[in-house]
């Protein structure tokens, strides 16, 4: 491992270029292609160490997720909490309760509501056109 050093602002493009090349031109988190112009230089805000090149979307989301997980963790670390979240998602890929949330709408219910609203808009437009 190379000795740690703080890069100069002018070095950002060459560091991004090297990371993008190392990552086969892709964001380190998603399969999105990135370029020097679209890549963000991701770093750990606690240590300052550069981690990789991310697309703008993933860079913003990573920061938000980290901050929210930090708030949520109570005890342990952000990684502990995120690991528990992944395990929770995996466990609940299969039904554990047999119960639906009262506000949940099925795709069919959503379709029927969209169609109803479209009919109402058409009716309102028709009435406006006829002057009634």
N, C-alpha and C. Protein backbone atom coordinates (compact mmCIF):
# COMPACT_ATOMS: atom_id res chain seq x y z
N UNK A 1 0.85 -1.17 0.00
CA UNK A 1 0.00 0.00 0.00
C UNK A 1 0.90 1.24 0.00
N UNK A 2 0.52 2.20 -0.81
CA UNK A 2 1.29 3.44 -0.90
C UNK A 2 1.12 4.25 0.38
N UNK A 3 2.10 5.09 0.65
CA UNK A 3 2.02 5.96 1.83
C UNK A 3 0.83 6.90 1.68
N UNK A 4 0.16 7.17 2.77
CA UNK A 4 -1.00 8.06 2.72
C UNK A 4 -0.54 9.49 2.56
N UNK A 5 -1.26 10.23 1.73
CA UNK A 5 -0.97 11.65 1.56
C UNK A 5 -2.23 12.35 1.10
N UNK A 6 -2.30 13.62 1.40
CA UNK A 6 -3.43 14.45 0.97
C UNK A 6 -3.14 14.89 -0.46
N UNK A 7 -4.08 14.61 -1.36
CA UNK A 7 -3.88 15.05 -2.74
C UNK A 7 -4.15 16.55 -2.84
N UNK A 8 -3.57 17.15 -3.86
CA UNK A 8 -3.83 18.56 -4.13
C UNK A 8 -5.10 18.65 -4.97
N UNK A 9 -5.78 19.78 -4.87
CA UNK A 9 -7.01 19.97 -5.63
C UNK A 9 -6.78 19.74 -7.12
N UNK A 10 -5.63 20.16 -7.62
CA UNK A 10 -5.31 19.99 -9.03
C UNK A 10 -5.14 18.52 -9.43
N UNK A 11 -4.95 17.64 -8.46
CA UNK A 11 -4.76 16.21 -8.73
C UNK A 11 -6.09 15.45 -8.85
N UNK A 12 -7.18 16.08 -8.47
CA UNK A 12 -8.48 15.39 -8.49
C UNK A 12 -8.77 14.73 -9.84
N UNK A 13 -8.61 15.43 -10.98
CA UNK A 13 -8.91 14.76 -12.26
C UNK A 13 -8.09 13.50 -12.50
N UNK A 14 -6.79 13.53 -12.20
CA UNK A 14 -5.97 12.33 -12.46
C UNK A 14 -6.34 11.20 -11.50
N UNK A 15 -6.70 11.51 -10.26
CA UNK A 15 -7.12 10.48 -9.30
C UNK A 15 -8.46 9.89 -9.76
N UNK A 16 -9.39 10.75 -10.16
CA UNK A 16 -10.68 10.25 -10.67
C UNK A 16 -10.47 9.36 -11.89
N UNK A 17 -9.62 9.80 -12.79
CA UNK A 17 -9.34 9.03 -14.01
C UNK A 17 -8.81 7.64 -13.65
N UNK A 18 -7.87 7.58 -12.71
CA UNK A 18 -7.29 6.28 -12.30
C UNK A 18 -8.35 5.39 -11.65
N UNK A 19 -9.20 5.97 -10.80
CA UNK A 19 -10.25 5.18 -10.15
C UNK A 19 -11.26 4.68 -11.16
N UNK A 20 -11.66 5.55 -12.09
CA UNK A 20 -12.61 5.14 -13.13
C UNK A 20 -12.05 3.99 -13.94
N UNK A 21 -10.77 4.09 -14.29
CA UNK A 21 -10.13 3.02 -15.05
C UNK A 21 -10.10 1.72 -14.23
N UNK A 22 -9.74 1.82 -12.96
CA UNK A 22 -9.69 0.65 -12.07
C UNK A 22 -11.08 0.02 -11.92
N UNK A 23 -12.12 0.83 -12.01
CA UNK A 23 -13.50 0.36 -11.86
C UNK A 23 -14.15 0.05 -13.21
N UNK A 24 -13.34 -0.12 -14.26
CA UNK A 24 -13.82 -0.44 -15.60
C UNK A 24 -14.85 0.55 -16.12
N UNK A 25 -14.68 1.83 -15.76
CA UNK A 25 -15.57 2.86 -16.28
C UNK A 25 -16.95 2.88 -15.67
N UNK A 26 -17.11 2.21 -14.54
CA UNK A 26 -18.43 2.09 -13.89
C UNK A 26 -18.39 2.67 -12.48
N UNK A 27 -19.54 3.11 -12.03
CA UNK A 27 -19.70 3.55 -10.64
C UNK A 27 -19.38 2.35 -9.75
N UNK A 28 -18.75 2.61 -8.61
CA UNK A 28 -18.39 1.53 -7.69
C UNK A 28 -19.60 0.90 -7.02
N UNK A 29 -20.76 1.55 -7.06
CA UNK A 29 -21.96 1.01 -6.40
C UNK A 29 -23.02 0.51 -7.36
N UNK A 30 -23.15 1.11 -8.52
CA UNK A 30 -24.18 0.68 -9.48
C UNK A 30 -23.51 0.45 -10.84
N UNK A 31 -24.21 -0.14 -11.78
CA UNK A 31 -23.58 -0.45 -13.06
C UNK A 31 -23.49 0.74 -14.03
N UNK A 32 -23.83 1.94 -13.57
CA UNK A 32 -23.84 3.13 -14.43
C UNK A 32 -22.43 3.46 -14.93
N UNK A 33 -22.32 3.74 -16.21
CA UNK A 33 -21.04 4.18 -16.77
C UNK A 33 -20.77 5.59 -16.26
N UNK A 34 -19.52 5.86 -15.91
CA UNK A 34 -19.15 7.20 -15.44
C UNK A 34 -17.96 7.71 -16.25
N UNK A 35 -17.87 9.01 -16.33
CA UNK A 35 -16.77 9.67 -17.02
C UNK A 35 -16.11 10.63 -16.03
N UNK A 36 -15.03 11.22 -16.47
CA UNK A 36 -14.35 12.21 -15.62
C UNK A 36 -15.32 13.33 -15.24
N UNK A 37 -16.18 13.72 -16.18
CA UNK A 37 -17.12 14.82 -15.92
C UNK A 37 -18.27 14.42 -15.00
N UNK A 38 -18.65 13.15 -15.00
CA UNK A 38 -19.83 12.74 -14.21
C UNK A 38 -19.48 12.03 -12.91
N UNK A 39 -18.22 11.69 -12.72
CA UNK A 39 -17.81 10.95 -11.52
C UNK A 39 -17.61 11.88 -10.33
N UNK A 40 -17.94 11.37 -9.16
CA UNK A 40 -17.67 12.07 -7.90
C UNK A 40 -16.57 11.30 -7.17
N UNK A 41 -15.68 12.03 -6.57
CA UNK A 41 -14.61 11.41 -5.79
C UNK A 41 -15.15 11.15 -4.40
N UNK A 42 -15.54 9.89 -4.15
CA UNK A 42 -16.14 9.54 -2.86
C UNK A 42 -15.05 9.38 -1.81
N UNK A 43 -15.33 9.89 -0.61
CA UNK A 43 -14.38 9.75 0.48
C UNK A 43 -15.11 9.57 1.80
N UNK A 44 -14.40 8.97 2.76
CA UNK A 44 -14.92 8.79 4.11
C UNK A 44 -14.82 10.14 4.82
N UNK A 45 -15.94 10.66 5.25
CA UNK A 45 -15.95 11.99 5.87
C UNK A 45 -15.29 11.99 7.25
N UNK A 46 -15.14 10.84 7.85
CA UNK A 46 -14.49 10.77 9.16
C UNK A 46 -12.97 10.74 9.02
N UNK A 47 -12.47 9.87 8.14
CA UNK A 47 -11.02 9.72 7.99
C UNK A 47 -10.45 10.59 6.87
N UNK A 48 -11.27 10.94 5.90
CA UNK A 48 -10.81 11.71 4.75
C UNK A 48 -10.25 10.86 3.63
N UNK A 49 -10.18 9.53 3.83
CA UNK A 49 -9.61 8.65 2.82
C UNK A 49 -10.56 8.50 1.63
N UNK A 50 -9.98 8.59 0.44
CA UNK A 50 -10.75 8.41 -0.79
C UNK A 50 -11.06 6.94 -0.94
N UNK A 51 -12.34 6.63 -1.28
CA UNK A 51 -12.76 5.24 -1.41
C UNK A 51 -12.90 4.82 -2.87
N UNK A 52 -13.43 5.68 -3.70
CA UNK A 52 -13.65 5.31 -5.09
C UNK A 52 -14.36 6.40 -5.83
N UNK A 53 -14.73 6.10 -7.07
CA UNK A 53 -15.47 7.03 -7.90
C UNK A 53 -16.91 6.54 -8.00
N UNK A 54 -17.84 7.43 -7.72
CA UNK A 54 -19.26 7.11 -7.78
C UNK A 54 -19.96 8.05 -8.74
N UNK A 55 -21.09 7.58 -9.31
CA UNK A 55 -21.93 8.48 -10.08
C UNK A 55 -22.56 9.47 -9.09
N UNK A 56 -23.04 10.60 -9.58
CA UNK A 56 -23.60 11.63 -8.70
C UNK A 56 -24.76 11.09 -7.86
N UNK A 57 -25.59 10.27 -8.48
CA UNK A 57 -26.75 9.71 -7.79
C UNK A 57 -26.31 8.86 -6.59
N UNK A 58 -25.42 7.92 -6.82
CA UNK A 58 -24.96 7.03 -5.74
C UNK A 58 -24.19 7.81 -4.68
N UNK A 59 -23.41 8.81 -5.09
CA UNK A 59 -22.65 9.60 -4.12
C UNK A 59 -23.60 10.32 -3.16
N UNK A 60 -24.65 10.93 -3.71
CA UNK A 60 -25.62 11.62 -2.85
C UNK A 60 -26.37 10.66 -1.94
N UNK A 61 -26.80 9.54 -2.50
CA UNK A 61 -27.55 8.56 -1.72
C UNK A 61 -26.67 7.95 -0.63
N UNK A 62 -25.41 7.64 -0.96
CA UNK A 62 -24.50 7.06 0.03
C UNK A 62 -24.37 7.97 1.24
N UNK A 63 -24.22 9.25 1.01
CA UNK A 63 -24.10 10.20 2.11
C UNK A 63 -25.35 10.26 2.95
N UNK A 64 -26.50 10.29 2.29
CA UNK A 64 -27.78 10.34 3.02
C UNK A 64 -28.00 9.05 3.82
N UNK A 65 -27.74 7.90 3.20
CA UNK A 65 -27.92 6.61 3.89
C UNK A 65 -26.99 6.54 5.09
N UNK A 66 -25.75 6.94 4.91
CA UNK A 66 -24.80 6.90 6.03
C UNK A 66 -25.29 7.76 7.18
N UNK A 67 -25.72 8.98 6.86
CA UNK A 67 -26.18 9.89 7.92
C UNK A 67 -27.43 9.35 8.62
N UNK A 68 -28.37 8.82 7.86
CA UNK A 68 -29.59 8.27 8.46
C UNK A 68 -29.29 7.02 9.28
N UNK A 69 -28.40 6.16 8.78
CA UNK A 69 -28.02 4.95 9.52
C UNK A 69 -27.30 5.35 10.80
N UNK A 70 -26.50 6.39 10.74
CA UNK A 70 -25.80 6.87 11.93
C UNK A 70 -26.80 7.32 12.99
N UNK A 71 -27.86 7.99 12.57
CA UNK A 71 -28.91 8.41 13.50
C UNK A 71 -29.66 7.21 14.06
N UNK A 72 -29.86 6.20 13.24
CA UNK A 72 -30.70 5.06 13.61
C UNK A 72 -29.98 4.03 14.48
N UNK A 73 -28.67 4.00 14.44
CA UNK A 73 -27.93 2.88 15.01
C UNK A 73 -28.07 2.69 16.51
N UNK A 74 -28.36 3.74 17.25
CA UNK A 74 -28.48 3.68 18.71
C UNK A 74 -27.19 3.20 19.36
N UNK A 75 -26.90 1.91 19.25
CA UNK A 75 -25.63 1.37 19.73
C UNK A 75 -24.99 0.65 18.56
N UNK A 76 -23.75 0.31 18.66
CA UNK A 76 -23.08 -0.35 17.55
C UNK A 76 -22.57 0.67 16.54
N UNK A 77 -22.39 0.20 15.33
CA UNK A 77 -21.84 1.07 14.28
C UNK A 77 -22.83 1.19 13.13
N UNK A 78 -22.53 2.09 12.23
CA UNK A 78 -23.34 2.25 11.02
C UNK A 78 -23.36 0.92 10.26
N UNK A 79 -22.20 0.27 10.16
CA UNK A 79 -22.12 -1.01 9.44
C UNK A 79 -22.97 -2.08 10.12
N UNK A 80 -23.00 -2.09 11.44
CA UNK A 80 -23.84 -3.05 12.17
C UNK A 80 -25.31 -2.83 11.77
N UNK A 81 -25.73 -1.56 11.79
CA UNK A 81 -27.13 -1.25 11.49
C UNK A 81 -27.47 -1.58 10.05
N UNK A 82 -26.59 -1.21 9.11
CA UNK A 82 -26.84 -1.51 7.70
C UNK A 82 -26.86 -3.02 7.46
N UNK A 83 -25.97 -3.75 8.13
CA UNK A 83 -25.97 -5.22 8.02
C UNK A 83 -27.27 -5.80 8.53
N UNK A 84 -27.76 -5.27 9.65
CA UNK A 84 -29.04 -5.74 10.20
C UNK A 84 -30.18 -5.42 9.24
N UNK A 85 -30.11 -4.27 8.58
CA UNK A 85 -31.15 -3.90 7.61
C UNK A 85 -31.17 -4.89 6.44
N UNK A 86 -30.00 -5.24 5.93
CA UNK A 86 -29.92 -6.21 4.83
C UNK A 86 -30.52 -7.55 5.27
N UNK A 87 -30.14 -8.02 6.46
CA UNK A 87 -30.69 -9.28 6.97
C UNK A 87 -32.21 -9.20 7.14
N UNK A 88 -32.70 -8.06 7.59
CA UNK A 88 -34.14 -7.83 7.75
C UNK A 88 -34.84 -7.93 6.39
N UNK A 89 -34.26 -7.28 5.37
CA UNK A 89 -34.84 -7.36 4.01
C UNK A 89 -34.85 -8.79 3.51
N UNK A 90 -33.75 -9.51 3.69
CA UNK A 90 -33.66 -10.90 3.22
C UNK A 90 -34.71 -11.76 3.92
N UNK A 91 -34.82 -11.62 5.23
CA UNK A 91 -35.80 -12.39 6.00
C UNK A 91 -37.22 -12.14 5.48
N UNK A 92 -37.51 -10.89 5.17
CA UNK A 92 -38.87 -10.53 4.79
C UNK A 92 -39.15 -10.59 3.29
N UNK A 93 -38.24 -11.23 2.54
CA UNK A 93 -38.53 -11.52 1.14
C UNK A 93 -39.69 -12.50 1.05
N UNK A 94 -39.85 -13.30 2.09
CA UNK A 94 -41.00 -14.20 2.19
C UNK A 94 -41.91 -13.65 3.28
N UNK A 95 -43.20 -13.88 3.12
CA UNK A 95 -44.20 -13.37 4.05
C UNK A 95 -43.96 -13.91 5.45
N UNK A 96 -43.92 -13.02 6.43
CA UNK A 96 -43.71 -13.41 7.81
C UNK A 96 -44.96 -13.21 8.67
N UNK A 97 -45.93 -12.43 8.17
CA UNK A 97 -47.10 -12.11 9.01
C UNK A 97 -48.43 -12.43 8.37
N UNK A 98 -48.48 -12.45 7.04
CA UNK A 98 -49.76 -12.66 6.35
C UNK A 98 -50.66 -11.44 6.39
N UNK A 99 -50.14 -10.30 6.80
CA UNK A 99 -50.94 -9.09 6.97
C UNK A 99 -50.46 -7.99 6.01
N UNK A 100 -51.42 -7.20 5.51
CA UNK A 100 -51.11 -6.06 4.65
C UNK A 100 -51.36 -4.76 5.40
N UNK A 101 -50.54 -3.77 5.11
CA UNK A 101 -50.71 -2.44 5.70
C UNK A 101 -52.02 -1.85 5.17
N UNK A 102 -52.79 -1.13 6.01
CA UNK A 102 -54.09 -0.61 5.57
C UNK A 102 -54.00 0.40 4.43
N UNK A 103 -52.89 1.08 4.25
CA UNK A 103 -52.77 2.07 3.18
C UNK A 103 -52.21 1.50 1.88
N UNK A 104 -51.78 0.23 1.91
CA UNK A 104 -51.20 -0.39 0.72
C UNK A 104 -52.26 -0.56 -0.36
N UNK A 105 -51.90 -0.22 -1.58
CA UNK A 105 -52.78 -0.43 -2.74
C UNK A 105 -52.11 -1.42 -3.69
N UNK A 106 -52.90 -2.37 -4.18
CA UNK A 106 -52.38 -3.32 -5.16
C UNK A 106 -52.24 -2.60 -6.49
N UNK A 107 -51.50 -3.20 -7.42
CA UNK A 107 -51.37 -2.61 -8.76
C UNK A 107 -52.73 -2.44 -9.41
N UNK A 108 -53.64 -3.40 -9.20
CA UNK A 108 -54.99 -3.31 -9.77
C UNK A 108 -55.75 -2.13 -9.17
N UNK A 109 -55.65 -1.95 -7.86
CA UNK A 109 -56.32 -0.80 -7.21
C UNK A 109 -55.77 0.52 -7.72
N UNK A 110 -54.46 0.58 -7.93
CA UNK A 110 -53.85 1.80 -8.47
C UNK A 110 -54.34 2.06 -9.89
N UNK A 111 -54.43 1.01 -10.70
CA UNK A 111 -54.90 1.15 -12.08
C UNK A 111 -56.33 1.66 -12.12
N UNK A 112 -57.19 1.09 -11.28
CA UNK A 112 -58.59 1.52 -11.24
C UNK A 112 -58.70 2.99 -10.83
N UNK A 113 -57.88 3.41 -9.87
CA UNK A 113 -57.90 4.82 -9.43
C UNK A 113 -57.42 5.76 -10.54
N UNK A 114 -56.36 5.37 -11.24
CA UNK A 114 -55.87 6.18 -12.37
C UNK A 114 -56.95 6.33 -13.43
N UNK A 115 -57.60 5.21 -13.75
CA UNK A 115 -58.67 5.25 -14.77
C UNK A 115 -59.83 6.13 -14.33
N UNK A 116 -60.19 6.06 -13.05
CA UNK A 116 -61.28 6.88 -12.53
C UNK A 116 -60.93 8.37 -12.64
N UNK A 117 -59.72 8.72 -12.26
CA UNK A 117 -59.28 10.11 -12.36
C UNK A 117 -59.26 10.59 -13.80
N UNK A 118 -58.83 9.73 -14.72
CA UNK A 118 -58.80 10.09 -16.14
C UNK A 118 -60.21 10.33 -16.65
N UNK A 119 -61.15 9.47 -16.25
CA UNK A 119 -62.55 9.67 -16.65
C UNK A 119 -63.08 11.01 -16.12
N UNK A 120 -62.76 11.31 -14.85
CA UNK A 120 -63.21 12.57 -14.25
C UNK A 120 -62.61 13.77 -14.97
N UNK A 121 -61.35 13.70 -15.36
CA UNK A 121 -60.72 14.80 -16.10
C UNK A 121 -61.36 14.98 -17.47
N UNK A 122 -61.62 13.86 -18.14
CA UNK A 122 -62.27 13.94 -19.46
C UNK A 122 -63.66 14.55 -19.33
N UNK A 123 -64.40 14.14 -18.30
CA UNK A 123 -65.74 14.67 -18.08
C UNK A 123 -65.69 16.17 -17.79
N UNK A 124 -64.75 16.60 -16.97
CA UNK A 124 -64.61 18.02 -16.63
C UNK A 124 -64.24 18.82 -17.88
N UNK A 125 -63.35 18.30 -18.71
CA UNK A 125 -62.96 18.98 -19.95
C UNK A 125 -64.13 19.08 -20.89
N UNK A 126 -64.93 18.02 -20.97
CA UNK A 126 -66.10 18.01 -21.85
C UNK A 126 -67.11 19.06 -21.39
N UNK A 127 -67.35 19.13 -20.07
CA UNK A 127 -68.28 20.12 -19.53
C UNK A 127 -67.77 21.56 -19.77
N UNK A 128 -66.47 21.76 -19.63
CA UNK A 128 -65.89 23.08 -19.85
C UNK A 128 -66.03 23.48 -21.30
N UNK A 129 -65.86 22.51 -22.18
CA UNK A 129 -65.96 22.76 -23.63
C UNK A 129 -67.38 23.15 -24.03
N UNK A 130 -68.36 22.48 -23.44
CA UNK A 130 -69.77 22.75 -23.80
C UNK A 130 -70.32 23.95 -23.03
N UNK A 131 -69.57 24.46 -22.05
CA UNK A 131 -70.00 25.62 -21.30
C UNK A 131 -71.03 25.32 -20.24
N UNK A 132 -71.17 24.09 -19.85
CA UNK A 132 -72.18 23.71 -18.85
C UNK A 132 -71.70 23.93 -17.46
